[in-house]
PDB file of N, CA and C in Angstrom:
ATOM      1  N   MET A   1       5.478  15.257  -8.038  1.00  0.00           N
ATOM      2  CA  MET A   1       5.594  15.174  -6.645  1.00  0.00           C
ATOM      3  C   MET A   1       6.377  16.296  -6.087  1.00  0.00           C
ATOM      4  N   TRP A   2       6.233  16.668  -4.827  1.00  0.00           N
ATOM      5  CA  TRP A   2       6.920  17.622  -4.174  1.00  0.00           C
ATOM      6  C   TRP A   2       8.108  16.923  -3.367  1.00  0.00           C
ATOM      7  N   GLY A   3       9.289  17.415  -3.371  1.00  0.00           N
ATOM      8  CA  GLY A   3      10.424  16.927  -2.808  1.00  0.00           C
ATOM      9  C   GLY A   3      11.632  17.939  -2.733  1.00  0.00           C
ATOM     10  N   LYS A   4      12.645  17.259  -2.097  1.00  0.00           N
ATOM     11  CA  LYS A   4      13.942  17.915  -1.977  1.00  0.00           C
ATOM     12  C   LYS A   4      14.623  17.957  -3.311  1.00  0.00           C
ATOM     13  N   LYS A   5      15.174  19.152  -3.603  1.00  0.00           N
ATOM     14  CA  LYS A   5      16.031  19.306  -4.792  1.00  0.00           C
ATOM     15  C   LYS A   5      17.276  19.998  -4.435  1.00  0.00           C
ATOM     16  N   SER A   6      18.259  19.969  -5.431  1.00  0.00           N
ATOM     17  CA  SER A   6      19.458  20.627  -5.151  1.00  0.00           C
ATOM     18  C   SER A   6      19.964  21.359  -6.458  1.00  0.00           C
ATOM     19  N   PHE A   7      20.588  22.460  -6.277  1.00  0.00           N
ATOM     20  CA  PHE A   7      21.124  23.183  -7.513  1.00  0.00           C
ATOM     21  C   PHE A   7      22.312  24.032  -6.998  1.00  0.00           C
ATOM     22  N   LEU A   8      23.378  23.933  -7.588  1.00  0.00           N
ATOM     23  CA  LEU A   8      24.637  24.585  -7.280  1.00  0.00           C
ATOM     24  C   LEU A   8      24.859  24.478  -5.563  1.00  0.00           C
ATOM     25  N   GLY A   9      24.747  23.309  -5.164  1.00  0.00           N
ATOM     26  CA  GLY A   9      25.078  22.988  -3.783  1.00  0.00           C
ATOM     27  C   GLY A   9      24.059  23.431  -2.765  1.00  0.00           C
ATOM     28  N   LYS A  10      22.977  24.103  -3.283  1.00  0.00           N
ATOM     29  CA  LYS A  10      21.880  24.647  -2.364  1.00  0.00           C
ATOM     30  C   LYS A  10      20.646  23.595  -2.423  1.00  0.00           C
ATOM     31  N   GLU A  11      20.181  23.238  -1.310  1.00  0.00           N
ATOM     32  CA  GLU A  11      18.865  22.338  -1.316  1.00  0.00           C
ATOM     33  C   GLU A  11      17.717  23.218  -1.120  1.00  0.00           C
ATOM     34  N   PHE A  12      16.690  22.787  -1.730  1.00  0.00           N
ATOM     35  CA  PHE A  12      15.332  23.494  -1.529  1.00  0.00           C
ATOM     36  C   PHE A  12      14.284  22.517  -2.083  1.00  0.00           C
ATOM     37  N   MET A  13      13.044  22.893  -1.685  1.00  0.00           N
ATOM     38  CA  MET A  13      11.847  22.062  -2.066  1.00  0.00           C
ATOM     39  C   MET A  13      11.282  22.576  -3.352  1.00  0.00           C
ATOM     40  N   GLY A  14      10.802  21.610  -4.181  1.00  0.00           N
ATOM     41  CA  GLY A  14      10.317  21.840  -5.455  1.00  0.00           C
ATOM     42  C   GLY A  14       9.610  20.602  -6.129  1.00  0.00           C
ATOM     43  N   ILE A  15       9.208  20.980  -7.200  1.00  0.00           N
ATOM     44  CA  ILE A  15       8.471  19.823  -7.994  1.00  0.00           C
ATOM     45  C   ILE A  15       9.531  18.807  -8.595  1.00  0.00           C
ATOM     46  N   VAL A  16       9.384  17.599  -8.201  1.00  0.00           N
ATOM     47  CA  VAL A  16      10.363  16.520  -8.748  1.00  0.00           C
ATOM     48  C   VAL A  16       9.519  15.796  -9.854  1.00  0.00           C
ATOM     49  N   ARG A  17       9.958  15.668 -11.127  1.00  0.00           N
ATOM     50  CA  ARG A  17       9.311  14.957 -12.164  1.00  0.00           C
ATOM     51  C   ARG A  17       9.238  13.493 -11.874  1.00  0.00           C
ATOM     52  N   THR A  18       7.958  13.084 -11.967  1.00  0.00           N
ATOM     53  CA  THR A  18       7.591  11.693 -11.627  1.00  0.00           C
ATOM     54  C   THR A  18       6.788  11.168 -12.733  1.00  0.00           C
ATOM     55  N   THR A  19       6.953   9.963 -13.277  1.00  0.00           N
ATOM     56  CA  THR A  19       6.008   9.282 -14.239  1.00  0.00           C
ATOM     57  C   THR A  19       5.426   8.082 -13.520  1.00  0.00           C
ATOM     58  N   PHE A  20       4.020   7.929 -13.702  1.00  0.00           N
ATOM     59  CA  PHE A  20       3.406   6.788 -13.210  1.00  0.00           C
ATOM     60  C   PHE A  20       2.852   6.068 -14.312  1.00  0.00           C
ATOM     61  N   LEU A  21       3.046   4.674 -14.576  1.00  0.00           N
ATOM     62  CA  LEU A  21       2.577   3.826 -15.544  1.00  0.00           C
ATOM     63  C   LEU A  21       1.413   3.037 -14.892  1.00  0.00           C
ATOM     64  N   ILE A  22       0.141   3.241 -15.343  1.00  0.00           N
ATOM     65  CA  ILE A  22      -1.079   2.463 -14.806  1.00  0.00           C
ATOM     66  C   ILE A  22      -1.507   1.525 -15.736  1.00  0.00           C
ATOM     67  N   ASN A  23      -1.734   0.225 -15.313  1.00  0.00           N
ATOM     68  CA  ASN A  23      -2.084  -0.808 -16.260  1.00  0.00           C
ATOM     69  C   ASN A  23      -3.590  -0.630 -16.489  1.00  0.00           C
ATOM     70  N   SER A  24      -4.175  -1.588 -17.185  1.00  0.00           N
ATOM     71  CA  SER A  24      -5.586  -1.388 -17.554  1.00  0.00           C
ATOM     72  C   SER A  24      -6.583  -1.868 -16.473  1.00  0.00           C
ATOM     73  N   LYS A  25      -6.052  -2.393 -15.360  1.00  0.00           N
ATOM     74  CA  LYS A  25      -6.813  -2.703 -14.261  1.00  0.00           C
ATOM     75  C   LYS A  25      -6.860  -1.497 -13.239  1.00  0.00           C
ATOM     76  N   GLY A  26      -6.147  -0.455 -13.570  1.00  0.00           N
ATOM     77  CA  GLY A  26      -6.066   0.713 -12.774  1.00  0.00           C
ATOM     78  C   GLY A  26      -4.924   0.667 -11.565  1.00  0.00           C
ATOM     79  N   LYS A  27      -4.104  -0.356 -11.749  1.00  0.00           N
ATOM     80  CA  LYS A  27      -2.979  -0.445 -10.630  1.00  0.00           C
ATOM     81  C   LYS A  27      -1.743   0.150 -11.254  1.00  0.00           C
ATOM     82  N   ILE A  28      -1.043   0.699 -10.348  1.00  0.00           N
ATOM     83  CA  ILE A  28       0.205   1.351 -10.695  1.00  0.00           C
ATOM     84  C   ILE A  28       1.223   0.111 -10.951  1.00  0.00           C
ATOM     85  N   HIS A  29       1.795   0.205 -12.381  1.00  0.00           N
ATOM     86  CA  HIS A  29       2.719  -0.821 -12.857  1.00  0.00           C
ATOM     87  C   HIS A  29       4.036  -0.548 -12.549  1.00  0.00           C
ATOM     88  N   LYS A  30       4.442   0.696 -12.808  1.00  0.00           N
ATOM     89  CA  LYS A  30       5.961   1.270 -12.516  1.00  0.00           C
ATOM     90  C   LYS A  30       5.941   2.845 -12.292  1.00  0.00           C
ATOM     91  N   ILE A  31       6.880   3.149 -11.426  1.00  0.00           N
ATOM     92  CA  ILE A  31       6.950   4.589 -11.216  1.00  0.00           C
ATOM     93  C   ILE A  31       8.394   4.965 -11.452  1.00  0.00           C
ATOM     94  N   TRP A  32       8.644   5.997 -12.101  1.00  0.00           N
ATOM     95  CA  TRP A  32       9.967   6.557 -12.412  1.00  0.00           C
ATOM     96  C   TRP A  32      10.063   7.790 -11.686  1.00  0.00           C
ATOM     97  N   ASN A  33      11.034   7.915 -10.708  1.00  0.00           N
ATOM     98  CA  ASN A  33      11.213   9.082  -9.961  1.00  0.00           C
ATOM     99  C   ASN A  33      12.419   9.981 -10.388  1.00  0.00           C
ATOM    100  N   ASN A  34      12.436  11.315 -10.290  1.00  0.00           N
ATOM    101  CA  ASN A  34      13.401  12.248 -10.722  1.00  0.00           C
ATOM    102  C   ASN A  34      13.765  12.023 -12.231  1.00  0.00           C
ATOM    103  N   VAL A  35      12.773  12.025 -13.049  1.00  0.00           N
ATOM    104  CA  VAL A  35      12.751  11.833 -14.405  1.00  0.00           C
ATOM    105  C   VAL A  35      13.674  12.921 -15.166  1.00  0.00           C
ATOM    106  N   ARG A  36      14.422  12.467 -16.146  1.00  0.00           N
ATOM    107  CA  ARG A  36      15.260  13.269 -16.932  1.00  0.00           C
ATOM    108  C   ARG A  36      14.535  13.134 -18.303  1.00  0.00           C
ATOM    109  N   VAL A  37      14.273  14.319 -18.981  1.00  0.00           N
ATOM    110  CA  VAL A  37      13.659  14.315 -20.140  1.00  0.00           C
ATOM    111  C   VAL A  37      14.118  13.495 -21.374  1.00  0.00           C
ATOM    112  N   LYS A  38      15.449  13.520 -21.495  1.00  0.00           N
ATOM    113  CA  LYS A  38      16.045  12.788 -22.602  1.00  0.00           C
ATOM    114  C   LYS A  38      15.839  11.273 -22.549  1.00  0.00           C
ATOM    115  N   ASP A  39      15.341  10.793 -23.648  1.00  0.00           N
ATOM    116  CA  ASP A  39      14.971   9.269 -23.785  1.00  0.00           C
ATOM    117  C   ASP A  39      13.973   8.801 -22.842  1.00  0.00           C
ATOM    118  N   HIS A  40      13.488   9.676 -21.959  1.00  0.00           N
ATOM    119  CA  HIS A  40      12.476   9.054 -21.077  1.00  0.00           C
ATOM    120  C   HIS A  40      11.268   8.454 -21.740  1.00  0.00           C
ATOM    121  N   ALA A  41      10.778   9.171 -22.670  1.00  0.00           N
ATOM    122  CA  ALA A  41       9.587   8.667 -23.484  1.00  0.00           C
ATOM    123  C   ALA A  41       9.759   7.308 -24.063  1.00  0.00           C
ATOM    124  N   LYS A  42      11.069   7.052 -24.614  1.00  0.00           N
ATOM    125  CA  LYS A  42      11.342   5.812 -25.143  1.00  0.00           C
ATOM    126  C   LYS A  42      11.322   4.794 -24.164  1.00  0.00           C
ATOM    127  N   GLU A  43      11.903   4.982 -23.028  1.00  0.00           N
ATOM    128  CA  GLU A  43      11.810   4.016 -21.774  1.00  0.00           C
ATOM    129  C   GLU A  43      10.411   3.627 -21.423  1.00  0.00           C
ATOM    130  N   VAL A  44       9.576   4.676 -21.318  1.00  0.00           N
ATOM    131  CA  VAL A  44       8.273   4.426 -20.975  1.00  0.00           C
ATOM    132  C   VAL A  44       7.558   3.605 -22.019  1.00  0.00           C
ATOM    133  N   PHE A  45       7.634   3.931 -23.342  1.00  0.00           N
ATOM    134  CA  PHE A  45       7.041   3.156 -24.458  1.00  0.00           C
ATOM    135  C   PHE A  45       7.485   1.664 -24.450  1.00  0.00           C
ATOM    136  N   GLU A  46       8.747   1.454 -24.146  1.00  0.00           N
ATOM    137  CA  GLU A  46       9.192   0.101 -24.123  1.00  0.00           C
ATOM    138  C   GLU A  46       8.489  -0.756 -22.928  1.00  0.00           C
ATOM    139  N   GLU A  47       8.227   0.009 -21.847  1.00  0.00           N
ATOM    140  CA  GLU A  47       7.589  -0.628 -20.726  1.00  0.00           C
ATOM    141  C   GLU A  47       6.123  -0.875 -21.030  1.00  0.00           C
ATOM    142  N   VAL A  48       5.588   0.009 -21.769  1.00  0.00           N
ATOM    143  CA  VAL A  48       4.126  -0.030 -22.155  1.00  0.00           C
ATOM    144  C   VAL A  48       4.079  -1.169 -23.154  1.00  0.00           C
ATOM    145  N   LYS A  49       4.923  -1.514 -23.930  1.00  0.00           N
ATOM    146  CA  LYS A  49       4.876  -2.663 -24.833  1.00  0.00           C
ATOM    147  C   LYS A  49       4.965  -4.024 -24.271  1.00  0.00           C
ATOM    148  N   ASN A  50       5.737  -3.918 -22.920  1.00  0.00           N
ATOM    149  CA  ASN A  50       5.793  -5.162 -22.144  1.00  0.00           C
ATOM    150  C   ASN A  50       4.591  -5.412 -21.157  1.00  0.00           C
ATOM    151  N   LEU A  51       3.677  -4.565 -21.223  1.00  0.00           N
ATOM    152  CA  LEU A  51       2.346  -4.737 -20.337  1.00  0.00           C
ATOM    153  C   LEU A  51       1.480  -5.877 -20.880  1.00  0.00           C
ATOM    154  N   LYS A  52       1.536  -6.088 -22.114  1.00  0.00           N
ATOM    155  CA  LYS A  52       0.516  -7.068 -22.868  1.00  0.00           C
ATOM    156  C   LYS A  52       0.778  -8.379 -22.388  1.00  0.00           C
TER     157      LYS A  52
END
């Protein structure tokens, strides 16, 4: 997604990491905004296991 970011006190527009989890019916189940890479895959995997 495109959105406002900040770095060293300066604001600018840029790509904001976002993850969408879509269920088997094609509906969005969960959205993670402003994703940090560390441990994110584990968090998404746990949510996928809860979809069943």
